[in-house]
Amino acid sequence: MPEEIMEAFMATLEEVKEADLILHIIDISDENWMEKMEAVEKIMEKIEIKDKPTIVVLNKVDRVIPSEDFLDSSEETMLTGDRETVIISVNKGWNLDRLIEKIRFYAKELKAVSYS
């Protein structure tokens, strides 16, 4: 991202620091999705939120595979490294239950931490 654009959005990006959980949503049907994901990771590092709880959401998988039967959760972390990841299709409703499950897990973790 050009520096001028980054500076223009810094105030908005600063708001992310207040988030308890970040959903990094990526269009997996975009041929440059990996480069875009890495660019966002660099921005997260620059604004010092790289260690915040994050779920990488690879969306639009219905444009890449013919049916939900081809989804393989073992590929999720292979695609994004050590980040918590879920592959979904909002359009088809694929794996939305898994995404909700992951969000609930973090919500329970945050609740447990806030009460201790």
C-alpha atoms as a PDB file:
ATOM      1  CA  MET A   1       0.000   0.000   0.000  1.00  0.00           C
ATOM      2  CA  PRO A   2       1.418   3.405  -0.894  1.00  0.00           C
ATOM      3  CA  GLU A   3       2.613   5.405   2.108  1.00  0.00           C
ATOM      4  CA  GLU A   4       0.235   8.318   1.404  1.00  0.00           C
ATOM      5  CA  ILE A   5      -2.792   6.022   1.471  1.00  0.00           C
ATOM      6  CA  MET A   6      -1.540   4.275   4.580  1.00  0.00           C
ATOM      7  CA  GLU A   7      -1.194   7.603   6.386  1.00  0.00           C
ATOM      8  CA  ALA A   8      -4.709   8.640   5.327  1.00  0.00           C
ATOM      9  CA  PHE A   9      -6.168   5.492   6.860  1.00  0.00           C
ATOM     10  CA  MET A  10      -3.994   5.395   9.990  1.00  0.00           C
ATOM     11  CA  ALA A  11      -6.705   6.858  12.227  1.00  0.00           C
ATOM     12  CA  THR A  12      -9.103   4.157  11.071  1.00  0.00           C
ATOM     13  CA  LEU A  13      -6.448   1.478  11.446  1.00  0.00           C
ATOM     14  CA  GLU A  14      -5.715   2.696  14.971  1.00  0.00           C
ATOM     15  CA  GLU A  15      -9.292   1.706  15.904  1.00  0.00           C
ATOM     16  CA  VAL A  16      -8.345  -1.920  15.230  1.00  0.00           C
ATOM     17  CA  LYS A  17      -6.079  -1.758  18.290  1.00  0.00           C
ATOM     18  CA  GLU A  18      -9.224  -1.688  20.439  1.00  0.00           C
ATOM     19  CA  ALA A  19     -10.617  -4.883  18.900  1.00  0.00           C
ATOM     20  CA  ASP A  20     -10.628  -8.080  20.961  1.00  0.00           C
ATOM     21  CA  LEU A  21     -10.647 -10.259  17.828  1.00  0.00           C
ATOM     22  CA  ILE A  22      -9.710  -9.487  14.234  1.00  0.00           C
ATOM     23  CA  LEU A  23     -11.354 -11.204  11.284  1.00  0.00           C
ATOM     24  CA  HIS A  24      -8.962 -10.910   8.352  1.00  0.00           C
ATOM     25  CA  ILE A  25     -11.234 -11.668   5.393  1.00  0.00           C
ATOM     26  CA  ILE A  26      -9.578 -12.602   2.117  1.00  0.00           C
ATOM     27  CA  ASP A  27     -11.075 -13.256  -1.318  1.00  0.00           C
ATOM     28  CA  ILE A  28      -9.438 -16.609  -2.060  1.00  0.00           C
ATOM     29  CA  SER A  29     -10.691 -16.463  -5.660  1.00  0.00           C
ATOM     30  CA  ASP A  30      -8.391 -13.481  -6.306  1.00  0.00           C
ATOM     31  CA  GLU A  31      -5.228 -14.759  -7.970  1.00  0.00           C
ATOM     32  CA  ASN A  32      -3.161 -12.377  -5.815  1.00  0.00           C
ATOM     33  CA  TRP A  33      -4.767 -13.286  -2.494  1.00  0.00           C
ATOM     34  CA  MET A  34      -1.519 -14.438  -0.885  1.00  0.00           C
ATOM     35  CA  GLU A  35       0.282 -11.183  -1.687  1.00  0.00           C
ATOM     36  CA  LYS A  36      -2.665  -9.187  -0.366  1.00  0.00           C
ATOM     37  CA  MET A  37      -2.731 -11.268   2.810  1.00  0.00           C
ATOM     38  CA  GLU A  38       0.990 -10.618   3.322  1.00  0.00           C
ATOM     39  CA  ALA A  39       0.472  -6.881   2.748  1.00  0.00           C
ATOM     40  CA  VAL A  40      -2.183  -6.803   5.467  1.00  0.00           C
ATOM     41  CA  GLU A  41       0.119  -8.767   7.792  1.00  0.00           C
ATOM     42  CA  LYS A  42       2.806  -6.113   7.264  1.00  0.00           C
ATOM     43  CA  ILE A  43       0.320  -3.355   8.089  1.00  0.00           C
ATOM     44  CA  MET A  44      -0.755  -5.253  11.208  1.00  0.00           C
ATOM     45  CA  GLU A  45       2.876  -5.463  12.237  1.00  0.00           C
ATOM     46  CA  LYS A  46       3.414  -1.757  11.563  1.00  0.00           C
ATOM     47  CA  ILE A  47       0.500  -0.710  13.756  1.00  0.00           C
ATOM     48  CA  GLU A  48       1.551  -3.256  16.380  1.00  0.00           C
ATOM     49  CA  ILE A  49      -1.461  -5.577  16.311  1.00  0.00           C
ATOM     50  CA  LYS A  50       0.155  -8.628  14.748  1.00  0.00           C
ATOM     51  CA  ASP A  51      -0.161 -10.525  18.051  1.00  0.00           C
ATOM     52  CA  LYS A  52      -3.891  -9.795  18.492  1.00  0.00           C
ATOM     53  CA  PRO A  53      -6.174 -12.819  18.228  1.00  0.00           C
ATOM     54  CA  THR A  54      -6.950 -13.127  14.524  1.00  0.00           C
ATOM     55  CA  ILE A  55      -8.990 -15.479  12.390  1.00  0.00           C
ATOM     56  CA  VAL A  56      -8.044 -15.530   8.725  1.00  0.00           C
ATOM     57  CA  VAL A  57     -11.266 -16.042   6.767  1.00  0.00           C
ATOM     58  CA  LEU A  58     -10.674 -17.324   3.251  1.00  0.00           C
ATOM     59  CA  ASN A  59     -13.940 -16.432   1.509  1.00  0.00           C
ATOM     60  CA  LYS A  60     -15.369 -17.124  -1.971  1.00  0.00           C
ATOM     61  CA  VAL A  61     -14.028 -20.683  -2.059  1.00  0.00           C
ATOM     62  CA  ASP A  62     -17.095 -21.576  -4.155  1.00  0.00           C
ATOM     63  CA  ARG A  63     -15.321 -19.837  -7.044  1.00  0.00           C
ATOM     64  CA  VAL A  64     -12.309 -22.137  -6.631  1.00  0.00           C
ATOM     65  CA  ILE A  65     -13.831 -25.566  -5.946  1.00  0.00           C
ATOM     66  CA  PRO A  66     -16.965 -27.166  -7.414  1.00  0.00           C
ATOM     67  CA  SER A  67     -18.626 -28.292  -4.167  1.00  0.00           C
ATOM     68  CA  GLU A  68     -18.409 -28.230  -0.390  1.00  0.00           C
ATOM     69  CA  ASP A  69     -17.222 -31.849  -0.515  1.00  0.00           C
ATOM     70  CA  PHE A  70     -13.810 -30.582  -1.606  1.00  0.00           C
ATOM     71  CA  LEU A  71     -13.283 -28.525   1.561  1.00  0.00           C
ATOM     72  CA  ASP A  72     -10.482 -29.889   3.694  1.00  0.00           C
ATOM     73  CA  SER A  73      -9.875 -28.234   7.060  1.00  0.00           C
ATOM     74  CA  SER A  74      -6.347 -29.647   7.150  1.00  0.00           C
ATOM     75  CA  GLU A  75      -5.461 -27.230   4.346  1.00  0.00           C
ATOM     76  CA  GLU A  76      -6.467 -24.149   6.327  1.00  0.00           C
ATOM     77  CA  THR A  77      -3.289 -23.597   8.317  1.00  0.00           C
ATOM     78  CA  MET A  78      -1.187 -24.881   5.429  1.00  0.00           C
ATOM     79  CA  LEU A  79      -2.443 -21.902   3.412  1.00  0.00           C
ATOM     80  CA  THR A  80      -1.883 -19.248   6.080  1.00  0.00           C
ATOM     81  CA  GLY A  81       0.870 -20.529   8.335  1.00  0.00           C
ATOM     82  CA  ASP A  82       0.214 -20.494  12.059  1.00  0.00           C
ATOM     83  CA  ARG A  83      -2.835 -18.207  11.974  1.00  0.00           C
ATOM     84  CA  GLU A  84      -6.240 -19.559  12.968  1.00  0.00           C
ATOM     85  CA  THR A  85      -7.986 -20.012   9.608  1.00  0.00           C
ATOM     86  CA  VAL A  86     -11.309 -21.052   8.166  1.00  0.00           C
ATOM     87  CA  ILE A  87     -12.221 -21.509   4.500  1.00  0.00           C
ATOM     88  CA  ILE A  88     -15.776 -20.402   3.730  1.00  0.00           C
ATOM     89  CA  SER A  89     -18.250 -19.391   1.075  1.00  0.00           C
ATOM     90  CA  VAL A  90     -20.704 -16.808   2.327  1.00  0.00           C
ATOM     91  CA  ASN A  91     -22.555 -17.049  -0.978  1.00  0.00           C
ATOM     92  CA  LYS A  92     -23.138 -20.813  -0.621  1.00  0.00           C
ATOM     93  CA  GLY A  93     -23.156 -20.924   3.184  1.00  0.00           C
ATOM     94  CA  TRP A  94     -20.211 -23.339   3.300  1.00  0.00           C
ATOM     95  CA  ASN A  95     -18.354 -23.623   6.627  1.00  0.00           C
ATOM     96  CA  LEU A  96     -20.133 -20.669   8.213  1.00  0.00           C
ATOM     97  CA  ASP A  97     -20.832 -22.902  11.202  1.00  0.00           C
ATOM     98  CA  ARG A  98     -17.066 -23.452  11.619  1.00  0.00           C
ATOM     99  CA  LEU A  99     -16.438 -19.699  11.505  1.00  0.00           C
ATOM    100  CA  ILE A 100     -19.123 -19.062  14.119  1.00  0.00           C
ATOM    101  CA  GLU A 101     -17.636 -21.853  16.248  1.00  0.00           C
ATOM    102  CA  LYS A 102     -14.202 -20.204  16.120  1.00  0.00           C
ATOM    103  CA  ILE A 103     -15.648 -16.796  17.026  1.00  0.00           C
ATOM    104  CA  ARG A 104     -17.541 -18.337  19.954  1.00  0.00           C
ATOM    105  CA  PHE A 105     -14.327 -19.998  21.151  1.00  0.00           C
ATOM    106  CA  TYR A 106     -12.546 -16.631  21.255  1.00  0.00           C
ATOM    107  CA  ALA A 107     -15.543 -14.987  22.933  1.00  0.00           C
ATOM    108  CA  LYS A 108     -15.453 -17.635  25.692  1.00  0.00           C
ATOM    109  CA  GLU A 109     -11.684 -17.191  26.067  1.00  0.00           C
ATOM    110  CA  LEU A 110     -12.049 -13.425  26.356  1.00  0.00           C
ATOM    111  CA  LYS A 111     -14.876 -13.778  28.862  1.00  0.00           C
ATOM    112  CA  ALA A 112     -12.804 -16.167  30.977  1.00  0.00           C
ATOM    113  CA  VAL A 113      -9.836 -13.778  30.946  1.00  0.00           C
ATOM    114  CA  SER A 114     -11.965 -10.773  31.866  1.00  0.00           C
ATOM    115  CA  TYR A 115     -13.345 -12.571  34.923  1.00  0.00           C
ATOM    116  CA  SER A 116      -9.972 -13.712  36.224  1.00  0.00           C
END
